[in-house]
C-alpha atoms as a PDB file:
ATOM      1  CA  UNK A   1      86.653  81.197  76.210  1.00  0.00           C
ATOM      2  CA  UNK A   2      87.783  84.052  73.991  1.00  0.00           C
ATOM      3  CA  UNK A   3      91.070  84.833  75.740  1.00  0.00           C
ATOM      4  CA  UNK A   4      94.310  82.913  76.009  1.00  0.00           C
ATOM      5  CA  UNK A   5      96.968  81.908  78.496  1.00  0.00           C
ATOM      6  CA  UNK A   6     100.074  84.080  78.301  1.00  0.00           C
ATOM      7  CA  UNK A   7     103.363  84.553  80.156  1.00  0.00           C
ATOM      8  CA  UNK A   8     104.574  87.879  81.512  1.00  0.00           C
ATOM      9  CA  UNK A   9     107.905  88.865  83.098  1.00  0.00           C
ATOM     10  CA  UNK A  10     108.328  89.054  86.879  1.00  0.00           C
ATOM     11  CA  UNK A  11     111.711  90.041  88.304  1.00  0.00           C
ATOM     12  CA  UNK A  12     113.750  88.122  85.745  1.00  0.00           C
ATOM     13  CA  UNK A  13     111.414  85.129  85.640  1.00  0.00           C
ATOM     14  CA  UNK A  14     107.962  84.533  84.168  1.00  0.00           C
ATOM     15  CA  UNK A  15     104.472  84.111  85.534  1.00  0.00           C
ATOM     16  CA  UNK A  16     101.364  82.967  83.708  1.00  0.00           C
ATOM     17  CA  UNK A  17      97.934  84.476  83.358  1.00  0.00           C
ATOM     18  CA  UNK A  18      94.770  84.516  81.314  1.00  0.00           C
ATOM     19  CA  UNK A  19      94.420  87.506  78.983  1.00  0.00           C
ATOM     20  CA  UNK A  20      91.212  88.573  77.240  1.00  0.00           C
ATOM     21  CA  UNK A  21      91.680  91.549  74.911  1.00  0.00           C
ATOM     22  CA  UNK A  22      88.934  94.122  74.520  1.00  0.00           C
ATOM     23  CA  UNK A  23      86.567  93.148  71.729  1.00  0.00           C
ATOM     24  CA  UNK A  24      86.606  96.807  70.685  1.00  0.00           C
ATOM     25  CA  UNK A  25      90.340  96.496  69.917  1.00  0.00           C
ATOM     26  CA  UNK A  26      91.501  98.675  72.792  1.00  0.00           C
ATOM     27  CA  UNK A  27      90.184  99.241  76.273  1.00  0.00           C
ATOM     28  CA  UNK A  28      90.950 100.097  79.871  1.00  0.00           C
ATOM     29  CA  UNK A  29      93.145  97.490  81.546  1.00  0.00           C
ATOM     30  CA  UNK A  30      91.592  95.436  84.334  1.00  0.00           C
ATOM     31  CA  UNK A  31      93.402  93.101  86.716  1.00  0.00           C
ATOM     32  CA  UNK A  32      91.185  90.169  87.766  1.00  0.00           C
ATOM     33  CA  UNK A  33      92.118  88.351  90.975  1.00  0.00           C
ATOM     34  CA  UNK A  34      91.122  84.779  91.703  1.00  0.00           C
ATOM     35  CA  UNK A  35      89.187  83.171  94.526  1.00  0.00           C
ATOM     36  CA  UNK A  36      90.931  80.583  96.680  1.00  0.00           C
ATOM     37  CA  UNK A  37      90.256  77.928  94.035  1.00  0.00           C
ATOM     38  CA  UNK A  38      92.909  79.375  91.730  1.00  0.00           C
ATOM     39  CA  UNK A  39      92.812  80.425  88.092  1.00  0.00           C
ATOM     40  CA  UNK A  40      89.806  78.272  87.222  1.00  0.00           C
ATOM     41  CA  UNK A  41      87.471  78.567  84.192  1.00  0.00           C
ATOM     42  CA  UNK A  42      84.986  80.706  86.127  1.00  0.00           C
ATOM     43  CA  UNK A  43      87.625  83.417  86.688  1.00  0.00           C
ATOM     44  CA  UNK A  44      88.680  83.209  83.053  1.00  0.00           C
ATOM     45  CA  UNK A  45      85.028  83.736  82.235  1.00  0.00           C
ATOM     46  CA  UNK A  46      85.058  86.995  84.213  1.00  0.00           C
ATOM     47  CA  UNK A  47      87.905  88.177  81.977  1.00  0.00           C
ATOM     48  CA  UNK A  48      85.921  87.218  78.883  1.00  0.00           C
ATOM     49  CA  UNK A  49      82.870  89.119  80.128  1.00  0.00           C
ATOM     50  CA  UNK A  50      85.004  92.187  80.739  1.00  0.00           C
ATOM     51  CA  UNK A  51      86.443  91.909  77.227  1.00  0.00           C
ATOM     52  CA  UNK A  52      82.905  91.852  75.853  1.00  0.00           C
ATOM     53  CA  UNK A  53      82.319  95.130  77.712  1.00  0.00           C
ATOM     54  CA  UNK A  54      85.358  96.744  76.058  1.00  0.00           C
ATOM     55  CA  UNK A  55      88.045  96.129  78.688  1.00  0.00           C
ATOM     56  CA  UNK A  56      91.374  94.322  78.362  1.00  0.00           C
ATOM     57  CA  UNK A  57      91.453  91.927  81.307  1.00  0.00           C
ATOM     58  CA  UNK A  58      94.288  89.876  82.786  1.00  0.00           C
ATOM     59  CA  UNK A  59      93.983  87.298  85.571  1.00  0.00           C
ATOM     60  CA  UNK A  60      97.434  86.299  86.866  1.00  0.00           C
ATOM     61  CA  UNK A  61      97.861  82.704  88.003  1.00  0.00           C
ATOM     62  CA  UNK A  62      98.846  83.426  91.591  1.00  0.00           C
ATOM     63  CA  UNK A  63      99.165  79.728  92.456  1.00  0.00           C
ATOM     64  CA  UNK A  64     101.632  79.080  89.597  1.00  0.00           C
ATOM     65  CA  UNK A  65      99.748  76.192  88.030  1.00  0.00           C
ATOM     66  CA  UNK A  66      98.068  74.816  91.123  1.00  0.00           C
ATOM     67  CA  UNK A  67      94.301  74.932  91.586  1.00  0.00           C
ATOM     68  CA  UNK A  68      91.555  73.191  93.512  1.00  0.00           C
ATOM     69  CA  UNK A  69      88.361  71.673  92.209  1.00  0.00           C
ATOM     70  CA  UNK A  70      85.168  72.844  93.855  1.00  0.00           C
ATOM     71  CA  UNK A  71      85.021  69.504  95.682  1.00  0.00           C
ATOM     72  CA  UNK A  72      88.447  70.197  97.225  1.00  0.00           C
ATOM     73  CA  UNK A  73      87.803  72.890  99.806  1.00  0.00           C
ATOM     74  CA  UNK A  74      90.627  71.668 102.047  1.00  0.00           C
ATOM     75  CA  UNK A  75      93.077  71.951  99.161  1.00  0.00           C
ATOM     76  CA  UNK A  76      91.784  75.418  98.309  1.00  0.00           C
ATOM     77  CA  UNK A  77      92.291  76.503 101.892  1.00  0.00           C
ATOM     78  CA  UNK A  78      95.832  75.123 101.900  1.00  0.00           C
ATOM     79  CA  UNK A  79      96.680  76.859  98.623  1.00  0.00           C
ATOM     80  CA  UNK A  80      95.397  80.159  99.966  1.00  0.00           C
ATOM     81  CA  UNK A  81      97.154  79.980 103.333  1.00  0.00           C
ATOM     82  CA  UNK A  82     100.473  78.891 101.816  1.00  0.00           C
ATOM     83  CA  UNK A  83     100.485  81.523  99.056  1.00  0.00           C
ATOM     84  CA  UNK A  84     103.666  83.570  99.664  1.00  0.00           C
ATOM     85  CA  UNK A  85     102.472  87.175 100.141  1.00  0.00           C
ATOM     86  CA  UNK A  86     105.635  88.700  98.678  1.00  0.00           C
ATOM     87  CA  UNK A  87     105.405  86.538  95.560  1.00  0.00           C
ATOM     88  CA  UNK A  88     101.724  87.378  95.096  1.00  0.00           C
ATOM     89  CA  UNK A  89     102.500  91.094  95.427  1.00  0.00           C
ATOM     90  CA  UNK A  90     105.283  90.843  92.839  1.00  0.00           C
ATOM     91  CA  UNK A  91     103.074  88.891  90.449  1.00  0.00           C
ATOM     92  CA  UNK A  92     100.226  91.378  90.724  1.00  0.00           C
ATOM     93  CA  UNK A  93     102.513  94.385  90.255  1.00  0.00           C
ATOM     94  CA  UNK A  94     104.141  92.744  87.230  1.00  0.00           C
ATOM     95  CA  UNK A  95     100.720  91.919  85.798  1.00  0.00           C
ATOM     96  CA  UNK A  96      99.856  95.627  86.020  1.00  0.00           C
ATOM     97  CA  UNK A  97     103.137  96.450  84.244  1.00  0.00           C
ATOM     98  CA  UNK A  98     102.267  93.989  81.514  1.00  0.00           C
ATOM     99  CA  UNK A  99      98.694  95.220  81.122  1.00  0.00           C
ATOM    100  CA  UNK A 100      99.780  98.832  80.781  1.00  0.00           C
ATOM    101  CA  UNK A 101     102.352  97.857  78.132  1.00  0.00           C
ATOM    102  CA  UNK A 102      99.822  96.197  75.838  1.00  0.00           C
ATOM    103  CA  UNK A 103      98.669  97.831  72.609  1.00  0.00           C
ATOM    104  CA  UNK A 104      95.182  96.604  73.492  1.00  0.00           C
ATOM    105  CA  UNK A 105      95.242  98.590  76.751  1.00  0.00           C
ATOM    106  CA  UNK A 106      94.264 102.231  76.246  1.00  0.00           C
ATOM    107  CA  UNK A 107      94.607 103.421  79.858  1.00  0.00           C
ATOM    108  CA  UNK A 108      97.471 104.639  82.019  1.00  0.00           C
ATOM    109  CA  UNK A 109      95.760 103.221  85.117  1.00  0.00           C
ATOM    110  CA  UNK A 110      94.144  99.847  85.677  1.00  0.00           C
ATOM    111  CA  UNK A 111      91.030  98.715  87.429  1.00  0.00           C
ATOM    112  CA  UNK A 112      91.136  95.767  89.810  1.00  0.00           C
ATOM    113  CA  UNK A 113      88.332  93.258  90.353  1.00  0.00           C
ATOM    114  CA  UNK A 114      88.796  90.449  92.868  1.00  0.00           C
ATOM    115  CA  UNK A 115      86.695  87.759  94.491  1.00  0.00           C
ATOM    116  CA  UNK A 116      86.981  86.391  98.060  1.00  0.00           C
ATOM    117  CA  UNK A 117      90.766  85.996  98.494  1.00  0.00           C
ATOM    118  CA  UNK A 118      91.086  88.142  95.392  1.00  0.00           C
ATOM    119  CA  UNK A 119      88.796  90.749  96.916  1.00  0.00           C
ATOM    120  CA  UNK A 120      91.194  91.105  99.812  1.00  0.00           C
ATOM    121  CA  UNK A 121      94.161  91.195  97.414  1.00  0.00           C
ATOM    122  CA  UNK A 122      92.470  93.829  95.258  1.00  0.00           C
ATOM    123  CA  UNK A 123      92.528  96.247  98.181  1.00  0.00           C
ATOM    124  CA  UNK A 124      96.097  95.329  99.123  1.00  0.00           C
ATOM    125  CA  UNK A 125      97.446  95.842  95.599  1.00  0.00           C
ATOM    126  CA  UNK A 126      95.499  99.094  95.248  1.00  0.00           C
ATOM    127  CA  UNK A 127      97.167 100.428  98.394  1.00  0.00           C
ATOM    128  CA  UNK A 128     100.562  99.171  97.227  1.00  0.00           C
ATOM    129  CA  UNK A 129     100.389 100.503  93.666  1.00  0.00           C
ATOM    130  CA  UNK A 130      98.897 103.915  94.401  1.00  0.00           C
ATOM    131  CA  UNK A 131      97.994 105.996  91.357  1.00  0.00           C
ATOM    132  CA  UNK A 132      98.541 103.081  88.958  1.00  0.00           C
ATOM    133  CA  UNK A 133      95.167 101.723  90.141  1.00  0.00           C
ATOM    134  CA  UNK A 134      92.233 103.948  89.269  1.00  0.00           C
ATOM    135  CA  UNK A 135      89.385 101.843  90.612  1.00  0.00           C
ATOM    136  CA  UNK A 136      88.925  98.688  92.663  1.00  0.00           C
ATOM    137  CA  UNK A 137      85.916  96.399  93.018  1.00  0.00           C
ATOM    138  CA  UNK A 138      86.445  93.825  95.786  1.00  0.00           C
ATOM    139  CA  UNK A 139      83.810  91.113  96.048  1.00  0.00           C
ATOM    140  CA  UNK A 140      83.184  89.492  99.468  1.00  0.00           C
ATOM    141  CA  UNK A 141      86.791  89.797 100.583  1.00  0.00           C
ATOM    142  CA  UNK A 142      88.817  92.433 102.466  1.00  0.00           C
ATOM    143  CA  UNK A 143      91.770  92.668 104.872  1.00  0.00           C
ATOM    144  CA  UNK A 144      90.073  92.968 108.235  1.00  0.00           C
ATOM    145  CA  UNK A 145      92.957  92.752 110.718  1.00  0.00           C
ATOM    146  CA  UNK A 146      93.539  96.101 112.423  1.00  0.00           C
ATOM    147  CA  UNK A 147      96.836  97.637 111.395  1.00  0.00           C
ATOM    148  CA  UNK A 148      97.586  94.931 108.825  1.00  0.00           C
ATOM    149  CA  UNK A 149      97.676  97.380 105.926  1.00  0.00           C
ATOM    150  CA  UNK A 150      99.057 100.852 105.376  1.00  0.00           C
ATOM    151  CA  UNK A 151      96.367 102.681 103.456  1.00  0.00           C
ATOM    152  CA  UNK A 152      98.523 105.737 102.714  1.00  0.00           C
ATOM    153  CA  UNK A 153      98.980 104.795  99.058  1.00  0.00           C
ATOM    154  CA  UNK A 154      95.320 104.058  98.323  1.00  0.00           C
ATOM    155  CA  UNK A 155      94.062 106.591  95.788  1.00  0.00           C
ATOM    156  CA  UNK A 156      91.708 104.406  93.748  1.00  0.00           C
ATOM    157  CA  UNK A 157      87.971 104.808  93.896  1.00  0.00           C
ATOM    158  CA  UNK A 158      86.717 101.695  95.666  1.00  0.00           C
ATOM    159  CA  UNK A 159      83.280 100.155  95.365  1.00  0.00           C
ATOM    160  CA  UNK A 160      82.957  96.817  97.127  1.00  0.00           C
ATOM    161  CA  UNK A 161      80.299  94.114  97.074  1.00  0.00           C
ATOM    162  CA  UNK A 162      79.670  92.059 100.196  1.00  0.00           C
ATOM    163  CA  UNK A 163      77.195  89.531 101.537  1.00  0.00           C
ATOM    164  CA  UNK A 164      74.766  90.178 104.363  1.00  0.00           C
ATOM    165  CA  UNK A 165      75.375  86.667 105.757  1.00  0.00           C
ATOM    166  CA  UNK A 166      79.071  85.854 105.611  1.00  0.00           C
ATOM    167  CA  UNK A 167      81.077  84.224 108.389  1.00  0.00           C
ATOM    168  CA  UNK A 168      84.312  84.767 106.458  1.00  0.00           C
ATOM    169  CA  UNK A 169      83.839  88.528 106.108  1.00  0.00           C
ATOM    170  CA  UNK A 170      81.119  89.624 108.558  1.00  0.00           C
ATOM    171  CA  UNK A 171      79.100  92.705 107.589  1.00  0.00           C
ATOM    172  CA  UNK A 172      79.895  94.512 110.848  1.00  0.00           C
ATOM    173  CA  UNK A 173      83.621  94.179 110.168  1.00  0.00           C
ATOM    174  CA  UNK A 174      83.108  95.323 106.591  1.00  0.00           C
ATOM    175  CA  UNK A 175      81.245  98.429 107.751  1.00  0.00           C
ATOM    176  CA  UNK A 176      84.003  99.122 110.259  1.00  0.00           C
ATOM    177  CA  UNK A 177      86.644  98.988 107.511  1.00  0.00           C
ATOM    178  CA  UNK A 178      84.518 101.197 105.275  1.00  0.00           C
ATOM    179  CA  UNK A 179      84.223 103.794 108.048  1.00  0.00           C
ATOM    180  CA  UNK A 180      87.964 103.603 108.740  1.00  0.00           C
ATOM    181  CA  UNK A 181      88.842 104.223 105.094  1.00  0.00           C
ATOM    182  CA  UNK A 182      86.334 107.041 104.736  1.00  0.00           C
ATOM    183  CA  UNK A 183      87.761 108.715 107.843  1.00  0.00           C
ATOM    184  CA  UNK A 184      91.173 108.538 106.153  1.00  0.00           C
ATOM    185  CA  UNK A 185      89.697 110.492 103.239  1.00  0.00           C
ATOM    186  CA  UNK A 186      89.494 107.554 100.856  1.00  0.00           C
ATOM    187  CA  UNK A 187      86.724 107.344  98.248  1.00  0.00           C
ATOM    188  CA  UNK A 188      85.201 104.079  99.398  1.00  0.00           C
ATOM    189  CA  UNK A 189      81.688 102.629  99.235  1.00  0.00           C
ATOM    190  CA  UNK A 190      80.862  99.105 100.353  1.00  0.00           C
ATOM    191  CA  UNK A 191      77.528  97.641  99.249  1.00  0.00           C
ATOM    192  CA  UNK A 192      76.074  94.883 101.417  1.00  0.00           C
ATOM    193  CA  UNK A 193      73.457  92.860  99.553  1.00  0.00           C
ATOM    194  CA  UNK A 194      70.501  91.819 101.663  1.00  0.00           C
ATOM    195  CA  UNK A 195      69.692  88.121 101.777  1.00  0.00           C
ATOM    196  CA  UNK A 196      72.981  87.054 100.207  1.00  0.00           C
ATOM    197  CA  UNK A 197      75.739  84.713 101.351  1.00  0.00           C
ATOM    198  CA  UNK A 198      79.435  84.474 100.605  1.00  0.00           C
ATOM    199  CA  UNK A 199      80.306  84.047  96.899  1.00  0.00           C
ATOM    200  CA  UNK A 200      76.865  85.224  95.769  1.00  0.00           C
ATOM    201  CA  UNK A 201      78.276  86.387  92.402  1.00  0.00           C
ATOM    202  CA  UNK A 202      79.884  83.053  91.494  1.00  0.00           C
ATOM    203  CA  UNK A 203      77.542  81.088  89.264  1.00  0.00           C
ATOM    204  CA  UNK A 204      79.494  77.899  90.083  1.00  0.00           C
ATOM    205  CA  UNK A 205      79.462  78.469  93.851  1.00  0.00           C
ATOM    206  CA  UNK A 206      79.374  75.186  95.765  1.00  0.00           C
ATOM    207  CA  UNK A 207      77.884  76.861  98.835  1.00  0.00           C
ATOM    208  CA  UNK A 208      74.585  77.277  97.014  1.00  0.00           C
ATOM    209  CA  UNK A 209      74.570  81.033  97.561  1.00  0.00           C
ATOM    210  CA  UNK A 210      74.611  82.261  93.956  1.00  0.00           C
ATOM    211  CA  UNK A 211      72.075  85.088  93.696  1.00  0.00           C
ATOM    212  CA  UNK A 212      71.369  86.110  90.123  1.00  0.00           C
ATOM    213  CA  UNK A 213      69.797  89.453  91.030  1.00  0.00           C
ATOM    214  CA  UNK A 214      72.524  90.544  93.436  1.00  0.00           C
ATOM    215  CA  UNK A 215      75.200  89.317  91.042  1.00  0.00           C
ATOM    216  CA  UNK A 216      73.687  91.287  88.172  1.00  0.00           C
ATOM    217  CA  UNK A 217      73.442  94.488  90.213  1.00  0.00           C
ATOM    218  CA  UNK A 218      77.010  94.127  91.502  1.00  0.00           C
ATOM    219  CA  UNK A 219      78.287  93.511  87.961  1.00  0.00           C
ATOM    220  CA  UNK A 220      76.485  96.570  86.580  1.00  0.00           C
ATOM    221  CA  UNK A 221      77.962  98.688  89.357  1.00  0.00           C
ATOM    222  CA  UNK A 222      81.414  97.265  88.638  1.00  0.00           C
ATOM    223  CA  UNK A 223      81.210  98.114  84.939  1.00  0.00           C
ATOM    224  CA  UNK A 224      80.079 101.652  85.754  1.00  0.00           C
ATOM    225  CA  UNK A 225      83.015 101.999  88.152  1.00  0.00           C
ATOM    226  CA  UNK A 226      85.574 100.728  85.651  1.00  0.00           C
ATOM    227  CA  UNK A 227      84.216 103.045  82.983  1.00  0.00           C
ATOM    228  CA  UNK A 228      85.264 105.987  85.180  1.00  0.00           C
ATOM    229  CA  UNK A 229      88.976 105.215  84.725  1.00  0.00           C
END
């Protein structure tokens, strides 16, 4: 790991996160949002990879110190379902504040990259934060309940990465959301990767669905997207 754990202010208190500064000294800020496991080493590794590509990346610890091992799927599910939505929204907004205040962040907008639960949250925070988010890359996660989100504030360019075989986020529902957002005039493209399953870009995935080729293509597309901020 090349980054470090830090604290950042949230409404008079503090939250924690993992920060990896751009290896170039300064770079576009990127918010990285965890899977249901929590802020585990694999997510920290995503931040490190982004730093190697010239971005300053911050992954807030949305579970406030809690996490689940990959053998603890029940615990992961409980952590996800009991995560207070208002607290998560405040933490993510404050993490954006903190990113944009850093000397190592050269941008006045951030990118957002999220996985599974974090993929869904990446779209929610992009809609909430409006022009402060320039690009969003959700991976195999999206809010699929009709009417659950007001998309009025979404101005980011969105390029999502989804699995062709995914009971959590079925491709038909993903296409329906893509069409809905495009009809609203949003700049949204969702890629569905043939032959893949949920969490195909997680090299530590316990479902056995890691797909090196799909993961590589999705990552390259994500870097190209973030470079447009």
